[in-house]
């Protein structure tokens, strides 16, 4: 692992249509691909999702964070345990 970034652009699945369209426009390419089908597939997969972060053990979360730390950083994603800790804090916070 030499910490060399091999890609120039990262497109997040959650924002596939918007980010892909922006990327194509940046290169002067418009209407190259219709992402409506991809969006439908993404939405369908999301609705059928059975396993969530909450289903992972602490050991599994930690392993994922260690192995994919750079991906979390480059993708702008919050680490799993940190996100879970934030949920716990919100859940235990006094309500006004």
N, C-alpha and C. Protein backbone atom coordinates (compact mmCIF):
# COMPACT_ATOMS: atom_id res chain seq x y z
N UNK A 1 0.85 -1.18 0.00
CA UNK A 1 0.00 0.00 0.00
C UNK A 1 0.89 1.24 0.00
N UNK A 2 0.95 1.89 -1.14
CA UNK A 2 1.80 3.08 -1.24
C UNK A 2 1.01 4.37 -1.17
N UNK A 3 -0.27 4.28 -0.81
CA UNK A 3 -1.15 5.44 -0.66
C UNK A 3 -1.29 6.26 -1.94
N UNK A 4 -1.15 5.63 -3.10
CA UNK A 4 -1.33 6.30 -4.37
C UNK A 4 -2.80 6.18 -4.77
N UNK A 5 -3.42 7.30 -5.04
CA UNK A 5 -4.79 7.29 -5.50
C UNK A 5 -4.80 6.93 -6.98
N UNK A 6 -5.55 5.91 -7.32
CA UNK A 6 -5.55 5.40 -8.68
C UNK A 6 -6.66 5.97 -9.54
N UNK A 7 -7.57 6.72 -8.96
CA UNK A 7 -8.69 7.28 -9.72
C UNK A 7 -8.70 8.80 -9.59
N UNK A 8 -9.29 9.45 -10.56
CA UNK A 8 -9.40 10.91 -10.51
C UNK A 8 -10.74 11.36 -9.96
N UNK A 9 -11.76 10.54 -10.11
CA UNK A 9 -13.11 10.93 -9.70
C UNK A 9 -13.75 9.79 -8.91
N UNK A 10 -14.44 10.15 -7.87
CA UNK A 10 -15.19 9.17 -7.08
C UNK A 10 -16.66 9.51 -7.22
N UNK A 11 -17.44 8.52 -7.59
CA UNK A 11 -18.88 8.71 -7.70
C UNK A 11 -19.53 7.83 -6.65
N UNK A 12 -20.31 8.44 -5.79
CA UNK A 12 -20.98 7.71 -4.71
C UNK A 12 -22.28 7.11 -5.24
N UNK A 13 -22.54 5.87 -4.90
CA UNK A 13 -23.75 5.21 -5.35
C UNK A 13 -25.00 5.97 -4.93
N UNK A 14 -24.96 6.55 -3.73
CA UNK A 14 -26.12 7.28 -3.23
C UNK A 14 -26.45 8.50 -4.10
N UNK A 15 -25.46 9.02 -4.81
CA UNK A 15 -25.64 10.22 -5.63
C UNK A 15 -25.24 9.94 -7.08
N UNK A 16 -25.45 8.70 -7.51
CA UNK A 16 -24.99 8.26 -8.82
C UNK A 16 -25.42 9.19 -9.95
N UNK A 17 -26.71 9.48 -10.04
CA UNK A 17 -27.20 10.29 -11.15
C UNK A 17 -26.57 11.68 -11.16
N UNK A 18 -26.61 12.34 -10.00
CA UNK A 18 -26.10 13.71 -9.94
C UNK A 18 -24.59 13.78 -10.21
N UNK A 19 -23.83 12.92 -9.55
CA UNK A 19 -22.38 12.97 -9.69
C UNK A 19 -21.92 12.52 -11.08
N UNK A 20 -22.57 11.51 -11.63
CA UNK A 20 -22.20 11.05 -12.97
C UNK A 20 -22.53 12.12 -14.01
N UNK A 21 -23.69 12.73 -13.89
CA UNK A 21 -24.08 13.79 -14.82
C UNK A 21 -23.10 14.95 -14.75
N UNK A 22 -22.71 15.34 -13.54
CA UNK A 22 -21.73 16.43 -13.37
C UNK A 22 -20.39 16.07 -14.00
N UNK A 23 -19.98 14.82 -13.82
CA UNK A 23 -18.71 14.37 -14.38
C UNK A 23 -18.76 14.42 -15.92
N UNK A 24 -19.85 13.93 -16.49
CA UNK A 24 -19.98 13.95 -17.95
C UNK A 24 -19.99 15.39 -18.48
N UNK A 25 -20.68 16.28 -17.77
CA UNK A 25 -20.72 17.68 -18.19
C UNK A 25 -19.33 18.32 -18.10
N UNK A 26 -18.56 17.92 -17.08
CA UNK A 26 -17.21 18.46 -16.93
C UNK A 26 -16.33 18.09 -18.13
N UNK A 27 -16.63 16.96 -18.76
CA UNK A 27 -15.87 16.52 -19.93
C UNK A 27 -16.58 16.87 -21.24
N UNK A 28 -17.63 17.68 -21.12
CA UNK A 28 -18.35 18.09 -22.33
C UNK A 28 -19.20 17.00 -22.93
N UNK A 29 -19.56 16.02 -22.15
CA UNK A 29 -20.38 14.91 -22.63
C UNK A 29 -21.76 15.00 -22.01
N UNK A 30 -22.77 15.11 -22.84
CA UNK A 30 -24.14 15.19 -22.33
C UNK A 30 -24.97 14.08 -22.93
N UNK A 31 -25.91 13.59 -22.17
CA UNK A 31 -26.83 12.55 -22.62
C UNK A 31 -26.11 11.31 -23.16
N UNK A 32 -25.00 10.96 -22.54
CA UNK A 32 -24.24 9.79 -22.97
C UNK A 32 -24.90 8.50 -22.50
N UNK A 33 -25.35 8.51 -21.27
CA UNK A 33 -25.95 7.32 -20.67
C UNK A 33 -27.21 7.73 -19.94
N UNK A 34 -28.24 6.92 -20.05
CA UNK A 34 -29.47 7.16 -19.30
C UNK A 34 -29.36 6.40 -17.99
N UNK A 35 -29.28 7.13 -16.90
CA UNK A 35 -29.08 6.49 -15.60
C UNK A 35 -30.39 6.14 -14.89
N UNK A 36 -31.51 6.33 -15.55
CA UNK A 36 -32.78 6.01 -14.91
C UNK A 36 -32.83 4.54 -14.51
N UNK A 37 -32.37 3.65 -15.38
CA UNK A 37 -32.37 2.22 -15.06
C UNK A 37 -31.45 1.93 -13.88
N UNK A 38 -30.28 2.56 -13.87
CA UNK A 38 -29.34 2.36 -12.76
C UNK A 38 -29.96 2.84 -11.46
N UNK A 39 -30.66 3.96 -11.50
CA UNK A 39 -31.31 4.50 -10.30
C UNK A 39 -32.38 3.54 -9.80
N UNK A 40 -33.13 2.96 -10.72
CA UNK A 40 -34.17 2.00 -10.33
C UNK A 40 -33.55 0.77 -9.68
N UNK A 41 -32.44 0.30 -10.24
CA UNK A 41 -31.74 -0.85 -9.66
C UNK A 41 -31.24 -0.51 -8.26
N UNK A 42 -30.64 0.69 -8.12
CA UNK A 42 -30.13 1.12 -6.81
C UNK A 42 -31.26 1.19 -5.80
N UNK A 43 -32.37 1.82 -6.20
CA UNK A 43 -33.49 1.98 -5.28
C UNK A 43 -34.09 0.63 -4.89
N UNK A 44 -34.17 -0.28 -5.85
CA UNK A 44 -34.70 -1.61 -5.58
C UNK A 44 -33.79 -2.35 -4.61
N UNK A 45 -32.48 -2.26 -4.83
CA UNK A 45 -31.52 -2.93 -3.95
C UNK A 45 -31.60 -2.35 -2.55
N UNK A 46 -31.77 -1.04 -2.45
CA UNK A 46 -31.86 -0.39 -1.15
C UNK A 46 -33.09 -0.87 -0.39
N UNK A 47 -34.21 -0.99 -1.09
CA UNK A 47 -35.45 -1.44 -0.44
C UNK A 47 -35.35 -2.88 0.03
N UNK A 48 -34.59 -3.70 -0.69
CA UNK A 48 -34.45 -5.12 -0.34
C UNK A 48 -33.32 -5.37 0.66
N UNK A 49 -32.62 -4.32 1.02
CA UNK A 49 -31.45 -4.46 1.89
C UNK A 49 -31.84 -5.15 3.19
N UNK A 50 -31.11 -6.21 3.50
CA UNK A 50 -31.40 -6.98 4.70
C UNK A 50 -30.37 -6.74 5.80
N UNK A 51 -29.15 -6.48 5.43
CA UNK A 51 -28.06 -6.32 6.39
C UNK A 51 -27.69 -4.84 6.51
N UNK A 52 -27.68 -4.34 7.72
CA UNK A 52 -27.29 -2.95 7.95
C UNK A 52 -26.06 -2.91 8.85
N UNK A 53 -25.52 -1.74 9.04
CA UNK A 53 -24.37 -1.55 9.93
C UNK A 53 -24.67 -2.09 11.32
N UNK A 54 -25.90 -1.92 11.75
CA UNK A 54 -26.28 -2.38 13.09
C UNK A 54 -26.23 -3.90 13.23
N UNK A 55 -26.23 -4.62 12.11
CA UNK A 55 -26.16 -6.07 12.14
C UNK A 55 -24.73 -6.60 12.31
N UNK A 56 -23.75 -5.72 12.15
CA UNK A 56 -22.34 -6.12 12.24
C UNK A 56 -21.87 -6.15 13.69
N UNK A 57 -20.97 -7.07 13.99
CA UNK A 57 -20.39 -7.10 15.33
C UNK A 57 -19.36 -5.96 15.42
N UNK A 58 -18.99 -5.60 16.63
CA UNK A 58 -17.97 -4.57 16.82
C UNK A 58 -16.66 -4.99 16.17
N UNK A 59 -16.33 -6.28 16.26
CA UNK A 59 -15.09 -6.79 15.66
C UNK A 59 -15.13 -6.64 14.13
N UNK A 60 -16.26 -6.92 13.53
CA UNK A 60 -16.40 -6.79 12.08
C UNK A 60 -16.31 -5.34 11.66
N UNK A 61 -16.98 -4.45 12.38
CA UNK A 61 -16.91 -3.01 12.08
C UNK A 61 -15.46 -2.53 12.14
N UNK A 62 -14.77 -2.93 13.18
CA UNK A 62 -13.38 -2.51 13.37
C UNK A 62 -12.50 -3.01 12.22
N UNK A 63 -12.70 -4.25 11.81
CA UNK A 63 -11.94 -4.81 10.70
C UNK A 63 -12.22 -4.04 9.41
N UNK A 64 -13.48 -3.75 9.14
CA UNK A 64 -13.85 -2.98 7.95
C UNK A 64 -13.19 -1.61 7.98
N UNK A 65 -13.20 -0.96 9.12
CA UNK A 65 -12.58 0.37 9.25
C UNK A 65 -11.07 0.32 9.02
N UNK A 66 -10.43 -0.73 9.51
CA UNK A 66 -8.98 -0.85 9.32
C UNK A 66 -8.64 -1.11 7.86
N UNK A 67 -9.34 -2.05 7.25
CA UNK A 67 -9.03 -2.44 5.87
C UNK A 67 -9.40 -1.34 4.88
N UNK A 68 -10.52 -0.66 5.12
CA UNK A 68 -11.02 0.33 4.16
C UNK A 68 -10.90 1.77 4.64
N UNK A 69 -9.99 2.03 5.56
CA UNK A 69 -9.83 3.37 6.13
C UNK A 69 -9.64 4.43 5.06
N UNK A 70 -8.79 4.17 4.10
CA UNK A 70 -8.52 5.16 3.03
C UNK A 70 -9.77 5.38 2.17
N UNK A 71 -10.53 4.32 1.93
CA UNK A 71 -11.77 4.46 1.15
C UNK A 71 -12.78 5.33 1.89
N UNK A 72 -12.89 5.13 3.21
CA UNK A 72 -13.78 5.97 4.00
C UNK A 72 -13.35 7.43 3.87
N UNK A 73 -12.06 7.67 4.01
CA UNK A 73 -11.52 9.03 3.95
C UNK A 73 -11.75 9.66 2.57
N UNK A 74 -11.35 8.96 1.52
CA UNK A 74 -11.47 9.50 0.17
C UNK A 74 -12.93 9.67 -0.27
N UNK A 75 -13.78 8.78 0.21
CA UNK A 75 -15.20 8.86 -0.16
C UNK A 75 -15.99 9.83 0.69
N UNK A 76 -15.35 10.36 1.73
CA UNK A 76 -16.04 11.30 2.61
C UNK A 76 -17.05 10.63 3.53
N UNK A 77 -16.82 9.33 3.80
CA UNK A 77 -17.74 8.60 4.67
C UNK A 77 -17.24 8.60 6.11
N UNK A 78 -18.19 8.61 7.03
CA UNK A 78 -17.86 8.55 8.46
C UNK A 78 -17.62 7.09 8.82
N UNK A 79 -16.64 6.86 9.69
CA UNK A 79 -16.34 5.51 10.14
C UNK A 79 -17.58 4.90 10.80
N UNK A 80 -17.74 3.60 10.67
CA UNK A 80 -18.91 2.91 11.18
C UNK A 80 -19.07 3.06 12.68
N UNK A 81 -18.00 2.85 13.44
CA UNK A 81 -18.12 2.92 14.90
C UNK A 81 -18.41 4.34 15.35
N UNK A 82 -17.85 5.33 14.66
CA UNK A 82 -18.11 6.72 15.02
C UNK A 82 -19.57 7.06 14.77
N UNK A 83 -20.11 6.57 13.65
CA UNK A 83 -21.51 6.84 13.32
C UNK A 83 -22.41 6.17 14.34
N UNK A 84 -22.05 4.96 14.75
CA UNK A 84 -22.85 4.25 15.75
C UNK A 84 -22.79 4.97 17.09
N UNK A 85 -21.59 5.47 17.44
CA UNK A 85 -21.44 6.21 18.70
C UNK A 85 -22.32 7.46 18.67
N UNK A 86 -22.38 8.15 17.52
CA UNK A 86 -23.21 9.34 17.41
C UNK A 86 -24.68 9.00 17.58
N UNK A 87 -25.12 7.86 17.04
CA UNK A 87 -26.50 7.42 17.22
C UNK A 87 -26.79 7.16 18.69
N UNK A 88 -25.85 6.50 19.38
CA UNK A 88 -26.02 6.21 20.80
C UNK A 88 -26.13 7.49 21.62
N UNK A 89 -25.31 8.48 21.28
CA UNK A 89 -25.34 9.77 21.99
C UNK A 89 -26.70 10.44 21.77
N UNK A 90 -27.18 10.44 20.51
CA UNK A 90 -28.47 11.06 20.19
C UNK A 90 -29.59 10.33 20.92
N UNK A 91 -29.52 9.01 20.97
CA UNK A 91 -30.56 8.21 21.61
C UNK A 91 -30.62 8.50 23.11
N UNK A 92 -29.45 8.73 23.73
CA UNK A 92 -29.39 8.93 25.18
C UNK A 92 -29.45 10.39 25.59
N UNK A 93 -29.51 11.29 24.60
CA UNK A 93 -29.55 12.72 24.92
C UNK A 93 -30.90 13.10 25.51
N UNK A 94 -30.91 14.02 26.48
CA UNK A 94 -32.19 14.46 27.04
C UNK A 94 -33.01 15.19 25.98
N UNK A 95 -34.29 14.92 25.95
CA UNK A 95 -35.17 15.58 24.97
C UNK A 95 -35.81 16.81 25.62
N UNK A 96 -35.89 17.88 24.84
CA UNK A 96 -36.48 19.10 25.40
C UNK A 96 -37.92 19.25 25.04
